[in-house]
Amino acid sequence: MAKKDYVPGQIAQKSPWATTLKARIVTDGPTIGLSPSDITEVQGACDNVVSGVNDIDAANTAKEAAMGTANHKIHDAETIIRKHIKRGKTHSAYTNDIGQHLGVVGDENSIDPVTSSPELKGRKDPAGWRLDFNLKDFFEGVNIYRQMEGEAGFTKKAFDNSNPYLDTDTVKPGTRYFAVYVLNDKEVGVKSNEVVI
């Protein structure tokens, strides 16, 4: 029976594997016929594996930071646009034809604010805990609620109008989160599923 590749397939496992190999090849390498130059080359390759994994981690962190900045930039710009167009639509000269020409007439909405509920997903981030949600191109944002160990109940942690929300506080295992949609500065709909870390 063919054996699986001994090189780990998952990025998270590659660095520990390469670090262990680099240390142990010094004693076991000569036993299996490797020359000093062979061992040096293997150790150098192990260093490159670790360095490559670090480069990937740094690139992913930079990408997430850049995406967050870009998303906030877009949202701030759209907020300005919405403010002025909303005022323009109340003007006596506004017509649906003008709205269509400007591209500021939305499709008929099939979202029910009363029954809508955010889908909350959580995962570890280098800067803290990341909570992902979807505004469905309709809601203004979400209120994030958190309950840490020892607290009697949930308290409002933040309002966020751009996915994701990042909690940079030091939190203990068992900390719980949920979210509620916000529309016209008021909470609407049903609270999300709970995320437990």
C-alpha atoms as a PDB file:
ATOM      1  CA  MET A   1       0.000   0.000   0.000  1.00  0.00           C
ATOM      2  CA  ALA A   2       1.323   3.441  -0.950  1.00  0.00           C
ATOM      3  CA  LYS A   3       2.078   5.744   1.940  1.00  0.00           C
ATOM      4  CA  LYS A   4       1.012   9.359   2.226  1.00  0.00           C
ATOM      5  CA  ASP A   5       3.504  12.135   1.568  1.00  0.00           C
ATOM      6  CA  TYR A   6       5.495  12.753   4.749  1.00  0.00           C
ATOM      7  CA  VAL A   7       5.629  16.489   4.025  1.00  0.00           C
ATOM      8  CA  PRO A   8       2.595  18.066   5.770  1.00  0.00           C
ATOM      9  CA  GLY A   9      -0.014  19.410   3.388  1.00  0.00           C
ATOM     10  CA  GLN A  10      -1.390  22.058   5.742  1.00  0.00           C
ATOM     11  CA  ILE A  11       0.539  25.308   6.079  1.00  0.00           C
ATOM     12  CA  ALA A  12       0.127  25.378   9.875  1.00  0.00           C
ATOM     13  CA  GLN A  13       1.969  22.043  10.189  1.00  0.00           C
ATOM     14  CA  LYS A  14       4.885  22.801   7.880  1.00  0.00           C
ATOM     15  CA  SER A  15       6.920  25.069  10.162  1.00  0.00           C
ATOM     16  CA  PRO A  16       6.963  22.750  13.225  1.00  0.00           C
ATOM     17  CA  TRP A  17       7.780  19.808  10.957  1.00  0.00           C
ATOM     18  CA  ALA A  18      10.690  21.642   9.282  1.00  0.00           C
ATOM     19  CA  THR A  19      12.034  22.879  12.627  1.00  0.00           C
ATOM     20  CA  THR A  20      12.075  19.354  14.030  1.00  0.00           C
ATOM     21  CA  LEU A  21      13.702  17.939  10.889  1.00  0.00           C
ATOM     22  CA  LYS A  22      16.426  20.600  10.954  1.00  0.00           C
ATOM     23  CA  ALA A  23      17.351  19.713  14.547  1.00  0.00           C
ATOM     24  CA  ARG A  24      17.274  15.946  14.154  1.00  0.00           C
ATOM     25  CA  ILE A  25      18.994  15.613  10.774  1.00  0.00           C
ATOM     26  CA  VAL A  26      22.293  16.509  12.484  1.00  0.00           C
ATOM     27  CA  THR A  27      22.374  13.222  14.421  1.00  0.00           C
ATOM     28  CA  ASP A  28      20.318  10.937  12.176  1.00  0.00           C
ATOM     29  CA  GLY A  29      21.617  12.216   8.833  1.00  0.00           C
ATOM     30  CA  PRO A  30      25.058  10.524   8.988  1.00  0.00           C
ATOM     31  CA  THR A  31      23.391   7.275  10.037  1.00  0.00           C
ATOM     32  CA  ILE A  32      21.409   7.175   6.781  1.00  0.00           C
ATOM     33  CA  GLY A  33      24.395   8.119   4.634  1.00  0.00           C
ATOM     34  CA  LEU A  34      24.042  11.876   4.323  1.00  0.00           C
ATOM     35  CA  SER A  35      27.250  13.881   4.038  1.00  0.00           C
ATOM     36  CA  PRO A  36      27.886  17.087   5.988  1.00  0.00           C
ATOM     37  CA  SER A  37      27.098  19.106   2.848  1.00  0.00           C
ATOM     38  CA  ASP A  38      23.853  17.148   2.385  1.00  0.00           C
ATOM     39  CA  ILE A  39      22.849  17.916   5.955  1.00  0.00           C
ATOM     40  CA  THR A  40      23.673  21.599   5.525  1.00  0.00           C
ATOM     41  CA  GLU A  41      21.527  21.717   2.384  1.00  0.00           C
ATOM     42  CA  VAL A  42      18.600  20.014   4.143  1.00  0.00           C
ATOM     43  CA  GLN A  43      18.867  22.439   7.053  1.00  0.00           C
ATOM     44  CA  GLY A  44      18.899  25.387   4.666  1.00  0.00           C
ATOM     45  CA  ALA A  45      15.781  24.022   2.965  1.00  0.00           C
ATOM     46  CA  CYS A  46      14.119  23.669   6.378  1.00  0.00           C
ATOM     47  CA  ASP A  47      14.917  27.326   7.109  1.00  0.00           C
ATOM     48  CA  ASN A  48      13.295  28.282   3.806  1.00  0.00           C
ATOM     49  CA  VAL A  49      10.143  26.332   4.700  1.00  0.00           C
ATOM     50  CA  VAL A  50       9.847  28.218   8.001  1.00  0.00           C
ATOM     51  CA  SER A  51      10.631  31.543   6.323  1.00  0.00           C
ATOM     52  CA  GLY A  52       8.068  30.853   3.590  1.00  0.00           C
ATOM     53  CA  VAL A  53       5.360  30.060   6.126  1.00  0.00           C
ATOM     54  CA  ASN A  54       6.168  33.294   7.973  1.00  0.00           C
ATOM     55  CA  ASP A  55       5.927  35.206   4.684  1.00  0.00           C
ATOM     56  CA  ILE A  56       2.490  33.702   4.010  1.00  0.00           C
ATOM     57  CA  ASP A  57       1.264  34.628   7.510  1.00  0.00           C
ATOM     58  CA  ALA A  58       2.531  38.192   7.090  1.00  0.00           C
ATOM     59  CA  ALA A  59       0.920  38.492   3.654  1.00  0.00           C
ATOM     60  CA  ASN A  60      -2.435  37.250   4.965  1.00  0.00           C
ATOM     61  CA  THR A  61      -2.315  39.694   7.873  1.00  0.00           C
ATOM     62  CA  ALA A  62      -1.449  42.590   5.553  1.00  0.00           C
ATOM     63  CA  LYS A  63      -4.223  41.581   3.153  1.00  0.00           C
ATOM     64  CA  GLU A  64      -6.854  41.515   5.909  1.00  0.00           C
ATOM     65  CA  ALA A  65      -5.731  44.915   7.176  1.00  0.00           C
ATOM     66  CA  ALA A  66      -5.803  46.371   3.657  1.00  0.00           C
ATOM     67  CA  MET A  67      -9.239  44.873   2.996  1.00  0.00           C
ATOM     68  CA  GLY A  68     -10.582  46.354   6.220  1.00  0.00           C
ATOM     69  CA  THR A  69      -9.233  49.803   5.333  1.00  0.00           C
ATOM     70  CA  ALA A  70     -10.642  49.578   1.805  1.00  0.00           C
ATOM     71  CA  ASN A  71     -14.071  48.440   3.031  1.00  0.00           C
ATOM     72  CA  HIS A  72     -14.273  51.342   5.489  1.00  0.00           C
ATOM     73  CA  LYS A  73     -13.220  53.770   2.742  1.00  0.00           C
ATOM     74  CA  ILE A  74     -15.985  52.483   0.463  1.00  0.00           C
ATOM     75  CA  HIS A  75     -18.566  52.591   3.253  1.00  0.00           C
ATOM     76  CA  ASP A  76     -17.684  56.178   4.235  1.00  0.00           C
ATOM     77  CA  ALA A  77     -17.978  57.262   0.599  1.00  0.00           C
ATOM     78  CA  GLU A  78     -21.325  55.499   0.190  1.00  0.00           C
ATOM     79  CA  THR A  79     -22.607  57.171   3.365  1.00  0.00           C
ATOM     80  CA  ILE A  80     -21.909  60.584   1.825  1.00  0.00           C
ATOM     81  CA  ILE A  81     -23.615  59.574  -1.425  1.00  0.00           C
ATOM     82  CA  ARG A  82     -26.684  58.218   0.385  1.00  0.00           C
ATOM     83  CA  LYS A  83     -27.022  61.398   2.447  1.00  0.00           C
ATOM     84  CA  HIS A  84     -27.158  63.686  -0.579  1.00  0.00           C
ATOM     85  CA  ILE A  85     -29.285  61.413  -2.764  1.00  0.00           C
ATOM     86  CA  LYS A  86     -31.756  60.893   0.088  1.00  0.00           C
ATOM     87  CA  ARG A  87     -32.167  64.665   0.336  1.00  0.00           C
ATOM     88  CA  GLY A  88     -32.404  64.992  -3.458  1.00  0.00           C
ATOM     89  CA  LYS A  89     -35.224  62.452  -3.610  1.00  0.00           C
ATOM     90  CA  THR A  90     -37.356  64.693  -1.402  1.00  0.00           C
ATOM     91  CA  HIS A  91     -37.009  67.643  -3.800  1.00  0.00           C
ATOM     92  CA  SER A  92     -40.138  68.643  -5.683  1.00  0.00           C
ATOM     93  CA  ALA A  93     -38.380  68.264  -9.041  1.00  0.00           C
ATOM     94  CA  TYR A  94     -37.283  64.666  -8.387  1.00  0.00           C
ATOM     95  CA  THR A  95     -38.850  62.016 -10.602  1.00  0.00           C
ATOM     96  CA  ASN A  96     -38.348  58.284 -10.953  1.00  0.00           C
ATOM     97  CA  ASP A  97     -36.902  58.894 -14.420  1.00  0.00           C
ATOM     98  CA  ILE A  98     -34.194  61.107 -12.905  1.00  0.00           C
ATOM     99  CA  GLY A  99     -33.529  58.463 -10.285  1.00  0.00           C
ATOM    100  CA  GLN A 100     -33.205  55.787 -12.973  1.00  0.00           C
ATOM    101  CA  HIS A 101     -30.885  58.031 -14.994  1.00  0.00           C
ATOM    102  CA  LEU A 102     -28.633  58.551 -11.968  1.00  0.00           C
ATOM    103  CA  GLY A 103     -28.759  54.860 -11.069  1.00  0.00           C
ATOM    104  CA  VAL A 104     -30.133  55.534  -7.588  1.00  0.00           C
ATOM    105  CA  VAL A 105     -33.383  53.551  -7.733  1.00  0.00           C
ATOM    106  CA  GLY A 106     -33.100  50.221  -5.963  1.00  0.00           C
ATOM    107  CA  ASP A 107     -34.794  46.960  -6.857  1.00  0.00           C
ATOM    108  CA  GLU A 108     -37.906  45.952  -4.976  1.00  0.00           C
ATOM    109  CA  ASN A 109     -36.845  44.754  -1.556  1.00  0.00           C
ATOM    110  CA  SER A 110     -37.697  41.199  -0.533  1.00  0.00           C
ATOM    111  CA  ILE A 111     -36.017  41.432   2.873  1.00  0.00           C
ATOM    112  CA  ASP A 112     -38.294  41.466   5.901  1.00  0.00           C
ATOM    113  CA  PRO A 113     -36.587  43.538   8.631  1.00  0.00           C
ATOM    114  CA  VAL A 114     -38.892  42.037  11.269  1.00  0.00           C
ATOM    115  CA  THR A 115     -37.765  38.433  10.735  1.00  0.00           C
ATOM    116  CA  SER A 116     -34.195  38.960   9.476  1.00  0.00           C
ATOM    117  CA  SER A 117     -31.334  37.648  11.570  1.00  0.00           C
ATOM    118  CA  PRO A 118     -27.570  38.111  11.057  1.00  0.00           C
ATOM    119  CA  GLU A 119     -25.437  35.038  10.510  1.00  0.00           C
ATOM    120  CA  LEU A 120     -22.439  35.474  12.803  1.00  0.00           C
ATOM    121  CA  LYS A 121     -19.173  33.587  12.326  1.00  0.00           C
ATOM    122  CA  GLY A 122     -16.120  33.873  14.562  1.00  0.00           C
ATOM    123  CA  ARG A 123     -12.470  33.009  14.171  1.00  0.00           C
ATOM    124  CA  LYS A 124      -9.099  33.903  15.679  1.00  0.00           C
ATOM    125  CA  ASP A 125      -7.286  36.856  14.159  1.00  0.00           C
ATOM    126  CA  PRO A 126      -3.702  37.991  14.842  1.00  0.00           C
ATOM    127  CA  ALA A 127      -5.141  41.137  16.452  1.00  0.00           C
ATOM    128  CA  GLY A 128      -7.926  39.469  18.445  1.00  0.00           C
ATOM    129  CA  TRP A 129     -11.226  37.728  17.643  1.00  0.00           C
ATOM    130  CA  ARG A 130     -12.892  38.368  14.280  1.00  0.00           C
ATOM    131  CA  LEU A 131     -16.677  38.269  13.868  1.00  0.00           C
ATOM    132  CA  ASP A 132     -18.019  38.109  10.314  1.00  0.00           C
ATOM    133  CA  PHE A 133     -21.548  39.150   9.348  1.00  0.00           C
ATOM    134  CA  ASN A 134     -23.541  40.111   6.237  1.00  0.00           C
ATOM    135  CA  LEU A 135     -25.616  43.282   5.920  1.00  0.00           C
ATOM    136  CA  LYS A 136     -27.450  41.913   2.832  1.00  0.00           C
ATOM    137  CA  ASP A 137     -26.962  45.262   1.062  1.00  0.00           C
ATOM    138  CA  PHE A 138     -29.865  46.523   3.145  1.00  0.00           C
ATOM    139  CA  PHE A 139     -29.118  47.011   6.831  1.00  0.00           C
ATOM    140  CA  GLU A 140     -27.031  49.893   8.198  1.00  0.00           C
ATOM    141  CA  GLY A 141     -24.990  47.693  10.477  1.00  0.00           C
ATOM    142  CA  VAL A 142     -25.118  45.407  13.491  1.00  0.00           C
ATOM    143  CA  ASN A 143     -24.921  45.847  17.234  1.00  0.00           C
ATOM    144  CA  ILE A 144     -22.446  43.376  18.737  1.00  0.00           C
ATOM    145  CA  TYR A 145     -23.196  41.972  22.192  1.00  0.00           C
ATOM    146  CA  ARG A 146     -20.695  40.112  24.377  1.00  0.00           C
ATOM    147  CA  GLN A 147     -20.782  38.098  27.586  1.00  0.00           C
ATOM    148  CA  MET A 148     -17.506  37.172  29.229  1.00  0.00           C
ATOM    149  CA  GLU A 149     -17.008  34.548  31.912  1.00  0.00           C
ATOM    150  CA  GLY A 150     -18.333  35.757  35.253  1.00  0.00           C
ATOM    151  CA  GLU A 151     -20.611  38.401  33.782  1.00  0.00           C
ATOM    152  CA  ALA A 152     -24.318  38.189  34.577  1.00  0.00           C
ATOM    153  CA  GLY A 153     -25.488  38.782  31.021  1.00  0.00           C
ATOM    154  CA  PHE A 154     -24.728  40.225  27.622  1.00  0.00           C
ATOM    155  CA  THR A 155     -23.720  43.862  27.209  1.00  0.00           C
ATOM    156  CA  LYS A 156     -23.514  45.878  24.012  1.00  0.00           C
ATOM    157  CA  LYS A 157     -19.918  45.914  22.851  1.00  0.00           C
ATOM    158  CA  ALA A 158     -20.127  47.974  19.658  1.00  0.00           C
ATOM    159  CA  PHE A 159     -22.013  49.073  16.569  1.00  0.00           C
ATOM    160  CA  ASP A 160     -20.291  48.092  13.328  1.00  0.00           C
ATOM    161  CA  ASN A 161     -21.355  49.099   9.837  1.00  0.00           C
ATOM    162  CA  SER A 162     -18.656  47.255   7.921  1.00  0.00           C
ATOM    163  CA  ASN A 163     -17.764  43.570   8.038  1.00  0.00           C
ATOM    164  CA  PRO A 164     -15.858  42.243   9.947  1.00  0.00           C
ATOM    165  CA  TYR A 165     -15.936  43.338  13.588  1.00  0.00           C
ATOM    166  CA  LEU A 166     -12.651  42.800  15.439  1.00  0.00           C
ATOM    167  CA  ASP A 167     -12.614  42.440  19.213  1.00  0.00           C
ATOM    168  CA  THR A 168      -9.088  43.311  20.351  1.00  0.00           C
ATOM    169  CA  ASP A 169      -9.808  42.864  24.069  1.00  0.00           C
ATOM    170  CA  THR A 170      -8.243  39.981  25.963  1.00  0.00           C
ATOM    171  CA  VAL A 171     -11.058  37.469  26.294  1.00  0.00           C
ATOM    172  CA  LYS A 172     -11.259  34.106  28.044  1.00  0.00           C
ATOM    173  CA  PRO A 173     -12.496  30.809  26.603  1.00  0.00           C
ATOM    174  CA  GLY A 174     -16.251  30.614  26.849  1.00  0.00           C
ATOM    175  CA  THR A 175     -16.828  34.241  25.876  1.00  0.00           C
ATOM    176  CA  ARG A 176     -20.085  34.560  23.911  1.00  0.00           C
ATOM    177  CA  TYR A 177     -21.218  36.941  21.191  1.00  0.00           C
ATOM    178  CA  PHE A 178     -24.374  37.650  19.232  1.00  0.00           C
ATOM    179  CA  ALA A 179     -25.452  40.405  16.830  1.00  0.00           C
ATOM    180  CA  VAL A 180     -28.648  42.288  15.956  1.00  0.00           C
ATOM    181  CA  TYR A 181     -29.348  44.191  12.749  1.00  0.00           C
ATOM    182  CA  VAL A 182     -29.667  47.991  12.847  1.00  0.00           C
ATOM    183  CA  LEU A 183     -31.873  49.953  10.439  1.00  0.00           C
ATOM    184  CA  ASN A 184     -32.673  53.664  10.691  1.00  0.00           C
ATOM    185  CA  ASP A 185     -30.645  53.783  13.916  1.00  0.00           C
ATOM    186  CA  LYS A 186     -32.871  51.147  15.572  1.00  0.00           C
ATOM    187  CA  GLU A 187     -32.405  47.451  16.267  1.00  0.00           C
ATOM    188  CA  VAL A 188     -34.625  45.294  14.071  1.00  0.00           C
ATOM    189  CA  GLY A 189     -35.255  41.633  13.456  1.00  0.00           C
ATOM    190  CA  VAL A 190     -34.119  38.618  15.427  1.00  0.00           C
ATOM    191  CA  LYS A 191     -30.784  38.252  17.220  1.00  0.00           C
ATOM    192  CA  SER A 192     -28.164  36.139  15.493  1.00  0.00           C
ATOM    193  CA  ASN A 193     -26.808  32.773  16.442  1.00  0.00           C
ATOM    194  CA  GLU A 194     -24.339  32.864  19.330  1.00  0.00           C
ATOM    195  CA  VAL A 195     -20.618  32.486  18.727  1.00  0.00           C
ATOM    196  CA  VAL A 196     -18.646  30.952  21.584  1.00  0.00           C
ATOM    197  CA  ILE A 197     -14.844  31.108  21.679  1.00  0.00           C
END
